[in-house]
């Protein structure tokens, strides 16, 4: 298993890069967990929570940004 602390820090850095886009629409994102099989669990908050485009935001925006920064990650799931 790769160093989970290093992976967590890199995931947090990737989230910081997408956070301004979410906040500009009145939302935000919170890291909940990184699973043992390297899936990132996040929670969309504010206007993003329950938005009809939230799954698209997760897959096309957040997931791509995280995987670009942390290629070990297999995907992003909503908590």
PDB file of N, CA and C in Angstrom:
ATOM      1  N   UNK A   1       0.847  -1.196   0.000  1.00  0.00           N
ATOM      2  CA  UNK A   1       0.000   0.000   0.000  1.00  0.00           C
ATOM      3  C   UNK A   1       0.880   1.243   0.000  1.00  0.00           C
ATOM      4  N   UNK A   2       0.532   2.147  -0.880  1.00  0.00           N
ATOM      5  CA  UNK A   2       1.291   3.396  -0.951  1.00  0.00           C
ATOM      6  C   UNK A   2       1.065   4.201   0.331  1.00  0.00           C
ATOM      7  N   UNK A   3       1.906   5.146   0.539  1.00  0.00           N
ATOM      8  CA  UNK A   3       1.825   5.991   1.725  1.00  0.00           C
ATOM      9  C   UNK A   3       0.545   6.822   1.686  1.00  0.00           C
ATOM     10  N   UNK A   4      -0.430   6.432   2.496  1.00  0.00           N
ATOM     11  CA  UNK A   4      -1.748   7.062   2.468  1.00  0.00           C
ATOM     12  C   UNK A   4      -1.691   8.538   2.878  1.00  0.00           C
ATOM     13  N   UNK A   5      -0.775   8.897   3.748  1.00  0.00           N
ATOM     14  CA  UNK A   5      -0.653  10.305   4.161  1.00  0.00           C
ATOM     15  C   UNK A   5      -0.229  11.171   2.973  1.00  0.00           C
ATOM     16  N   UNK A   6       0.698  10.667   2.180  1.00  0.00           N
ATOM     17  CA  UNK A   6       1.152  11.394   0.996  1.00  0.00           C
ATOM     18  C   UNK A   6       0.019  11.506  -0.023  1.00  0.00           C
ATOM     19  N   UNK A   7      -0.715  10.425  -0.225  1.00  0.00           N
ATOM     20  CA  UNK A   7      -1.835  10.436  -1.161  1.00  0.00           C
ATOM     21  C   UNK A   7      -2.894  11.425  -0.682  1.00  0.00           C
ATOM     22  N   UNK A   8      -3.199  11.394   0.612  1.00  0.00           N
ATOM     23  CA  UNK A   8      -4.212  12.307   1.166  1.00  0.00           C
ATOM     24  C   UNK A   8      -3.814  13.766   0.937  1.00  0.00           C
ATOM     25  N   UNK A   9      -2.553  14.083   1.179  1.00  0.00           N
ATOM     26  CA  UNK A   9      -2.092  15.459   1.001  1.00  0.00           C
ATOM     27  C   UNK A   9      -2.214  15.889  -0.457  1.00  0.00           C
ATOM     28  N   UNK A  10      -1.868  15.000  -1.382  1.00  0.00           N
ATOM     29  CA  UNK A  10      -1.963  15.319  -2.804  1.00  0.00           C
ATOM     30  C   UNK A  10      -3.417  15.461  -3.250  1.00  0.00           C
ATOM     31  N   UNK A  11      -4.305  14.636  -2.685  1.00  0.00           N
ATOM     32  CA  UNK A  11      -5.735  14.755  -2.988  1.00  0.00           C
ATOM     33  C   UNK A  11      -6.250  16.103  -2.482  1.00  0.00           C
ATOM     34  N   UNK A  12      -5.878  16.471  -1.267  1.00  0.00           N
ATOM     35  CA  UNK A  12      -6.293  17.766  -0.713  1.00  0.00           C
ATOM     36  C   UNK A  12      -5.802  18.921  -1.590  1.00  0.00           C
ATOM     37  N   UNK A  13      -4.583  18.820  -2.088  1.00  0.00           N
ATOM     38  CA  UNK A  13      -4.045  19.854  -2.978  1.00  0.00           C
ATOM     39  C   UNK A  13      -4.866  19.949  -4.263  1.00  0.00           C
ATOM     40  N   UNK A  14      -5.247  18.792  -4.810  1.00  0.00           N
ATOM     41  CA  UNK A  14      -6.072  18.779  -6.029  1.00  0.00           C
ATOM     42  C   UNK A  14      -7.437  19.407  -5.750  1.00  0.00           C
ATOM     43  N   UNK A  15      -8.005  19.110  -4.584  1.00  0.00           N
ATOM     44  CA  UNK A  15      -9.309  19.693  -4.232  1.00  0.00           C
ATOM     45  C   UNK A  15      -9.208  21.209  -4.105  1.00  0.00           C
ATOM     46  N   UNK A  16      -8.083  21.696  -3.590  1.00  0.00           N
ATOM     47  CA  UNK A  16      -7.894  23.151  -3.474  1.00  0.00           C
ATOM     48  C   UNK A  16      -7.909  23.822  -4.842  1.00  0.00           C
ATOM     49  N   UNK A  17      -7.483  23.100  -5.872  1.00  0.00           N
ATOM     50  CA  UNK A  17      -7.464  23.671  -7.224  1.00  0.00           C
ATOM     51  C   UNK A  17      -8.864  23.767  -7.820  1.00  0.00           C
ATOM     52  N   UNK A  18      -9.773  22.854  -7.465  1.00  0.00           N
ATOM     53  CA  UNK A  18     -11.132  22.900  -8.016  1.00  0.00           C
ATOM     54  C   UNK A  18     -12.093  23.686  -7.117  1.00  0.00           C
ATOM     55  N   UNK A  19     -11.717  23.857  -5.865  1.00  0.00           N
ATOM     56  CA  UNK A  19     -12.597  24.544  -4.903  1.00  0.00           C
ATOM     57  C   UNK A  19     -13.058  25.927  -5.379  1.00  0.00           C
ATOM     58  N   UNK A  20     -12.190  26.790  -5.953  1.00  0.00           N
ATOM     59  CA  UNK A  20     -12.660  28.117  -6.388  1.00  0.00           C
ATOM     60  C   UNK A  20     -13.791  28.045  -7.420  1.00  0.00           C
ATOM     61  N   UNK A  21     -13.773  27.036  -8.290  1.00  0.00           N
ATOM     62  CA  UNK A  21     -14.833  26.895  -9.289  1.00  0.00           C
ATOM     63  C   UNK A  21     -16.154  26.537  -8.608  1.00  0.00           C
ATOM     64  N   UNK A  22     -16.087  25.650  -7.628  1.00  0.00           N
ATOM     65  CA  UNK A  22     -17.295  25.271  -6.897  1.00  0.00           C
ATOM     66  C   UNK A  22     -17.824  26.454  -6.084  1.00  0.00           C
ATOM     67  N   UNK A  23     -16.908  27.170  -5.445  1.00  0.00           N
ATOM     68  CA  UNK A  23     -17.309  28.298  -4.610  1.00  0.00           C
ATOM     69  C   UNK A  23     -17.901  29.431  -5.451  1.00  0.00           C
ATOM     70  N   UNK A  24     -17.450  29.564  -6.683  1.00  0.00           N
ATOM     71  CA  UNK A  24     -17.998  30.627  -7.539  1.00  0.00           C
ATOM     72  C   UNK A  24     -19.465  30.370  -7.869  1.00  0.00           C
ATOM     73  N   UNK A  25     -19.897  29.120  -7.731  1.00  0.00           N
ATOM     74  CA  UNK A  25     -21.307  28.768  -7.931  1.00  0.00           C
ATOM     75  C   UNK A  25     -22.040  28.591  -6.604  1.00  0.00           C
ATOM     76  N   UNK A  26     -21.415  29.002  -5.507  1.00  0.00           N
ATOM     77  CA  UNK A  26     -22.060  28.928  -4.202  1.00  0.00           C
ATOM     78  C   UNK A  26     -21.930  27.578  -3.514  1.00  0.00           C
ATOM     79  N   UNK A  27     -20.993  26.764  -3.963  1.00  0.00           N
ATOM     80  CA  UNK A  27     -20.818  25.441  -3.373  1.00  0.00           C
ATOM     81  C   UNK A  27     -19.439  25.260  -2.770  1.00  0.00           C
ATOM     82  N   UNK A  28     -19.167  24.035  -2.377  1.00  0.00           N
ATOM     83  CA  UNK A  28     -17.857  23.678  -1.838  1.00  0.00           C
ATOM     84  C   UNK A  28     -17.748  22.159  -1.841  1.00  0.00           C
ATOM     85  N   UNK A  29     -16.604  21.671  -1.436  1.00  0.00           N
ATOM     86  CA  UNK A  29     -16.372  20.232  -1.411  1.00  0.00           C
ATOM     87  C   UNK A  29     -15.579  19.885  -0.163  1.00  0.00           C
ATOM     88  N   UNK A  30     -15.844  18.719   0.384  1.00  0.00           N
ATOM     89  CA  UNK A  30     -15.171  18.252   1.596  1.00  0.00           C
ATOM     90  C   UNK A  30     -14.666  16.835   1.363  1.00  0.00           C
ATOM     91  N   UNK A  31     -13.407  16.596   1.702  1.00  0.00           N
ATOM     92  CA  UNK A  31     -12.853  15.245   1.636  1.00  0.00           C
ATOM     93  C   UNK A  31     -13.353  14.467   2.846  1.00  0.00           C
ATOM     94  N   UNK A  32     -13.987  13.334   2.603  1.00  0.00           N
ATOM     95  CA  UNK A  32     -14.504  12.499   3.674  1.00  0.00           C
ATOM     96  C   UNK A  32     -13.517  11.374   4.003  1.00  0.00           C
ATOM     97  N   UNK A  33     -13.031  10.691   2.960  1.00  0.00           N
ATOM     98  CA  UNK A  33     -12.192   9.524   3.202  1.00  0.00           C
ATOM     99  C   UNK A  33     -11.473   9.142   1.912  1.00  0.00           C
ATOM    100  N   UNK A  34     -10.402   8.388   2.078  1.00  0.00           N
ATOM    101  CA  UNK A  34      -9.773   7.688   0.964  1.00  0.00           C
ATOM    102  C   UNK A  34      -9.816   6.216   1.345  1.00  0.00           C
ATOM    103  N   UNK A  35     -10.502   5.423   0.553  1.00  0.00           N
ATOM    104  CA  UNK A  35     -10.699   4.017   0.896  1.00  0.00           C
ATOM    105  C   UNK A  35      -9.418   3.216   0.680  1.00  0.00           C
ATOM    106  N   UNK A  36      -9.399   2.024   1.256  1.00  0.00           N
ATOM    107  CA  UNK A  36      -8.234   1.149   1.108  1.00  0.00           C
ATOM    108  C   UNK A  36      -7.979   0.778  -0.347  1.00  0.00           C
ATOM    109  N   UNK A  37      -9.044   0.749  -1.156  1.00  0.00           N
ATOM    110  CA  UNK A  37      -8.873   0.426  -2.577  1.00  0.00           C
ATOM    111  C   UNK A  37      -8.735   1.694  -3.444  1.00  0.00           C
ATOM    112  N   UNK A  38      -8.375   2.807  -2.775  1.00  0.00           N
ATOM    113  CA  UNK A  38      -7.999   4.069  -3.426  1.00  0.00           C
ATOM    114  C   UNK A  38      -9.118   4.756  -4.195  1.00  0.00           C
ATOM    115  N   UNK A  39     -10.298   4.785  -3.597  1.00  0.00           N
ATOM    116  CA  UNK A  39     -11.373   5.646  -4.068  1.00  0.00           C
ATOM    117  C   UNK A  39     -11.475   6.807  -3.095  1.00  0.00           C
ATOM    118  N   UNK A  40     -11.721   7.993  -3.623  1.00  0.00           N
ATOM    119  CA  UNK A  40     -11.846   9.195  -2.805  1.00  0.00           C
ATOM    120  C   UNK A  40     -13.333   9.447  -2.558  1.00  0.00           C
ATOM    121  N   UNK A  41     -13.698   9.567  -1.278  1.00  0.00           N
ATOM    122  CA  UNK A  41     -15.075   9.915  -0.911  1.00  0.00           C
ATOM    123  C   UNK A  41     -15.114  11.391  -0.583  1.00  0.00           C
ATOM    124  N   UNK A  42     -16.010  12.102  -1.271  1.00  0.00           N
ATOM    125  CA  UNK A  42     -16.163  13.541  -1.028  1.00  0.00           C
ATOM    126  C   UNK A  42     -17.636  13.866  -0.792  1.00  0.00           C
ATOM    127  N   UNK A  43     -17.860  15.024  -0.200  1.00  0.00           N
ATOM    128  CA  UNK A  43     -19.222  15.518  -0.015  1.00  0.00           C
ATOM    129  C   UNK A  43     -19.292  16.911  -0.644  1.00  0.00           C
ATOM    130  N   UNK A  44     -20.227  17.067  -1.572  1.00  0.00           N
ATOM    131  CA  UNK A  44     -20.485  18.393  -2.128  1.00  0.00           C
ATOM    132  C   UNK A  44     -21.354  19.154  -1.144  1.00  0.00           C
ATOM    133  N   UNK A  45     -21.072  20.435  -0.983  1.00  0.00           N
ATOM    134  CA  UNK A  45     -21.783  21.244   0.010  1.00  0.00           C
ATOM    135  C   UNK A  45     -22.342  22.495  -0.642  1.00  0.00           C
ATOM    136  N   UNK A  46     -23.183  23.182   0.095  1.00  0.00           N
ATOM    137  CA  UNK A  46     -23.758  24.434  -0.387  1.00  0.00           C
ATOM    138  C   UNK A  46     -24.628  24.201  -1.613  1.00  0.00           C
ATOM    139  N   UNK A  47     -24.516  25.100  -2.589  1.00  0.00           N
ATOM    140  CA  UNK A  47     -25.333  25.010  -3.797  1.00  0.00           C
ATOM    141  C   UNK A  47     -25.043  23.749  -4.601  1.00  0.00           C
ATOM    142  N   UNK A  48     -23.860  23.169  -4.433  1.00  0.00           N
ATOM    143  CA  UNK A  48     -23.500  21.955  -5.175  1.00  0.00           C
ATOM    144  C   UNK A  48     -24.255  20.724  -4.662  1.00  0.00           C
ATOM    145  N   UNK A  49     -24.611  20.742  -3.388  1.00  0.00           N
ATOM    146  CA  UNK A  49     -25.325  19.609  -2.806  1.00  0.00           C
ATOM    147  C   UNK A  49     -26.728  19.543  -3.402  1.00  0.00           C
ATOM    148  N   UNK A  50     -27.050  18.459  -4.067  1.00  0.00           N
ATOM    149  CA  UNK A  50     -28.371  18.301  -4.653  1.00  0.00           C
ATOM    150  C   UNK A  50     -28.548  18.968  -6.010  1.00  0.00           C
ATOM    151  N   UNK A  51     -27.524  19.596  -6.506  1.00  0.00           N
ATOM    152  CA  UNK A  51     -27.592  20.219  -7.824  1.00  0.00           C
ATOM    153  C   UNK A  51     -27.757  19.127  -8.885  1.00  0.00           C
ATOM    154  N   UNK A  52     -28.596  19.380  -9.910  1.00  0.00           N
ATOM    155  CA  UNK A  52     -28.782  18.360 -10.953  1.00  0.00           C
ATOM    156  C   UNK A  52     -27.485  17.994 -11.677  1.00  0.00           C
ATOM    157  N   UNK A  53     -26.506  18.882 -11.647  1.00  0.00           N
ATOM    158  CA  UNK A  53     -25.243  18.621 -12.337  1.00  0.00           C
ATOM    159  C   UNK A  53     -24.154  18.094 -11.399  1.00  0.00           C
ATOM    160  N   UNK A  54     -24.513  17.753 -10.170  1.00  0.00           N
ATOM    161  CA  UNK A  54     -23.500  17.378  -9.189  1.00  0.00           C
ATOM    162  C   UNK A  54     -22.704  16.135  -9.599  1.00  0.00           C
ATOM    163  N   UNK A  55     -23.362  15.137 -10.192  1.00  0.00           N
ATOM    164  CA  UNK A  55     -22.615  13.946 -10.604  1.00  0.00           C
ATOM    165  C   UNK A  55     -21.675  14.273 -11.761  1.00  0.00           C
ATOM    166  N   UNK A  56     -22.127  15.133 -12.658  1.00  0.00           N
ATOM    167  CA  UNK A  56     -21.266  15.561 -13.759  1.00  0.00           C
ATOM    168  C   UNK A  56     -20.067  16.341 -13.209  1.00  0.00           C
ATOM    169  N   UNK A  57     -20.317  17.195 -12.225  1.00  0.00           N
ATOM    170  CA  UNK A  57     -19.241  17.952 -11.588  1.00  0.00           C
ATOM    171  C   UNK A  57     -18.237  16.998 -10.950  1.00  0.00           C
ATOM    172  N   UNK A  58     -18.761  15.977 -10.264  1.00  0.00           N
ATOM    173  CA  UNK A  58     -17.865  15.016  -9.610  1.00  0.00           C
ATOM    174  C   UNK A  58     -17.016  14.275 -10.620  1.00  0.00           C
ATOM    175  N   UNK A  59     -17.628  13.749 -11.665  1.00  0.00           N
ATOM    176  CA  UNK A  59     -16.903  12.909 -12.620  1.00  0.00           C
ATOM    177  C   UNK A  59     -16.020  13.726 -13.562  1.00  0.00           C
ATOM    178  N   UNK A  60     -16.594  14.754 -14.164  1.00  0.00           N
ATOM    179  CA  UNK A  60     -15.865  15.501 -15.184  1.00  0.00           C
ATOM    180  C   UNK A  60     -14.898  16.519 -14.593  1.00  0.00           C
ATOM    181  N   UNK A  61     -15.239  17.054 -13.428  1.00  0.00           N
ATOM    182  CA  UNK A  61     -14.385  18.080 -12.835  1.00  0.00           C
ATOM    183  C   UNK A  61     -13.493  17.559 -11.741  1.00  0.00           C
ATOM    184  N   UNK A  62     -14.116  17.167 -10.649  1.00  0.00           N
ATOM    185  CA  UNK A  62     -13.360  16.788  -9.452  1.00  0.00           C
ATOM    186  C   UNK A  62     -12.530  15.525  -9.694  1.00  0.00           C
ATOM    187  N   UNK A  63     -13.161  14.480 -10.222  1.00  0.00           N
ATOM    188  CA  UNK A  63     -12.438  13.221 -10.423  1.00  0.00           C
ATOM    189  C   UNK A  63     -11.249  13.403 -11.365  1.00  0.00           C
ATOM    190  N   UNK A  64     -11.458  14.113 -12.470  1.00  0.00           N
ATOM    191  CA  UNK A  64     -10.361  14.320 -13.419  1.00  0.00           C
ATOM    192  C   UNK A  64      -9.219  15.116 -12.795  1.00  0.00           C
ATOM    193  N   UNK A  65      -9.552  16.125 -12.009  1.00  0.00           N
ATOM    194  CA  UNK A  65      -8.517  16.932 -11.356  1.00  0.00           C
ATOM    195  C   UNK A  65      -7.716  16.095 -10.368  1.00  0.00           C
ATOM    196  N   UNK A  66      -8.410  15.252  -9.607  1.00  0.00           N
ATOM    197  CA  UNK A  66      -7.715  14.425  -8.612  1.00  0.00           C
ATOM    198  C   UNK A  66      -6.840  13.388  -9.299  1.00  0.00           C
ATOM    199  N   UNK A  67      -7.377  12.703 -10.304  1.00  0.00           N
ATOM    200  CA  UNK A  67      -6.604  11.651 -10.978  1.00  0.00           C
ATOM    201  C   UNK A  67      -5.397  12.246 -11.707  1.00  0.00           C
ATOM    202  N   UNK A  68      -5.540  13.451 -12.219  1.00  0.00           N
ATOM    203  CA  UNK A  68      -4.394  14.119 -12.867  1.00  0.00           C
ATOM    204  C   UNK A  68      -3.264  14.329 -11.862  1.00  0.00           C
ATOM    205  N   UNK A  69      -3.621  14.742 -10.642  1.00  0.00           N
ATOM    206  CA  UNK A  69      -2.625  15.004  -9.595  1.00  0.00           C
ATOM    207  C   UNK A  69      -2.171  13.727  -8.885  1.00  0.00           C
ATOM    208  N   UNK A  70      -3.075  12.766  -8.761  1.00  0.00           N
ATOM    209  CA  UNK A  70      -2.811  11.546  -7.981  1.00  0.00           C
ATOM    210  C   UNK A  70      -3.262  10.344  -8.812  1.00  0.00           C
ATOM    211  N   UNK A  71      -2.423   9.902  -9.762  1.00  0.00           N
ATOM    212  CA  UNK A  71      -2.842   8.836 -10.682  1.00  0.00           C
ATOM    213  C   UNK A  71      -3.176   7.506  -9.996  1.00  0.00           C
ATOM    214  N   UNK A  72      -2.754   7.328  -8.766  1.00  0.00           N
ATOM    215  CA  UNK A  72      -3.059   6.081  -8.046  1.00  0.00           C
ATOM    216  C   UNK A  72      -4.560   5.957  -7.728  1.00  0.00           C
ATOM    217  N   UNK A  73      -5.240   7.103  -7.667  1.00  0.00           N
ATOM    218  CA  UNK A  73      -6.658   7.106  -7.311  1.00  0.00           C
ATOM    219  C   UNK A  73      -7.472   6.481  -8.438  1.00  0.00           C
ATOM    220  N   UNK A  74      -8.426   5.606  -8.061  1.00  0.00           N
ATOM    221  CA  UNK A  74      -9.225   4.892  -9.046  1.00  0.00           C
ATOM    222  C   UNK A  74     -10.523   5.615  -9.395  1.00  0.00           C
ATOM    223  N   UNK A  75     -10.981   6.493  -8.514  1.00  0.00           N
ATOM    224  CA  UNK A  75     -12.213   7.205  -8.801  1.00  0.00           C
ATOM    225  C   UNK A  75     -12.656   8.036  -7.619  1.00  0.00           C
ATOM    226  N   UNK A  76     -13.713   8.805  -7.848  1.00  0.00           N
ATOM    227  CA  UNK A  76     -14.282   9.663  -6.815  1.00  0.00           C
ATOM    228  C   UNK A  76     -15.735   9.269  -6.639  1.00  0.00           C
ATOM    229  N   UNK A  77     -16.140   9.128  -5.389  1.00  0.00           N
ATOM    230  CA  UNK A  77     -17.532   8.791  -5.085  1.00  0.00           C
ATOM    231  C   UNK A  77     -18.092   9.817  -4.114  1.00  0.00           C
ATOM    232  N   UNK A  78     -19.390  10.025  -4.224  1.00  0.00           N
ATOM    233  CA  UNK A  78     -20.075  10.974  -3.357  1.00  0.00           C
ATOM    234  C   UNK A  78     -20.461  10.291  -2.053  1.00  0.00           C
ATOM    235  N   UNK A  79     -20.175  10.961  -0.955  1.00  0.00           N
ATOM    236  CA  UNK A  79     -20.504  10.383   0.362  1.00  0.00           C
ATOM    237  C   UNK A  79     -21.935  10.708   0.739  1.00  0.00           C
TER     238      UNK A  79
END
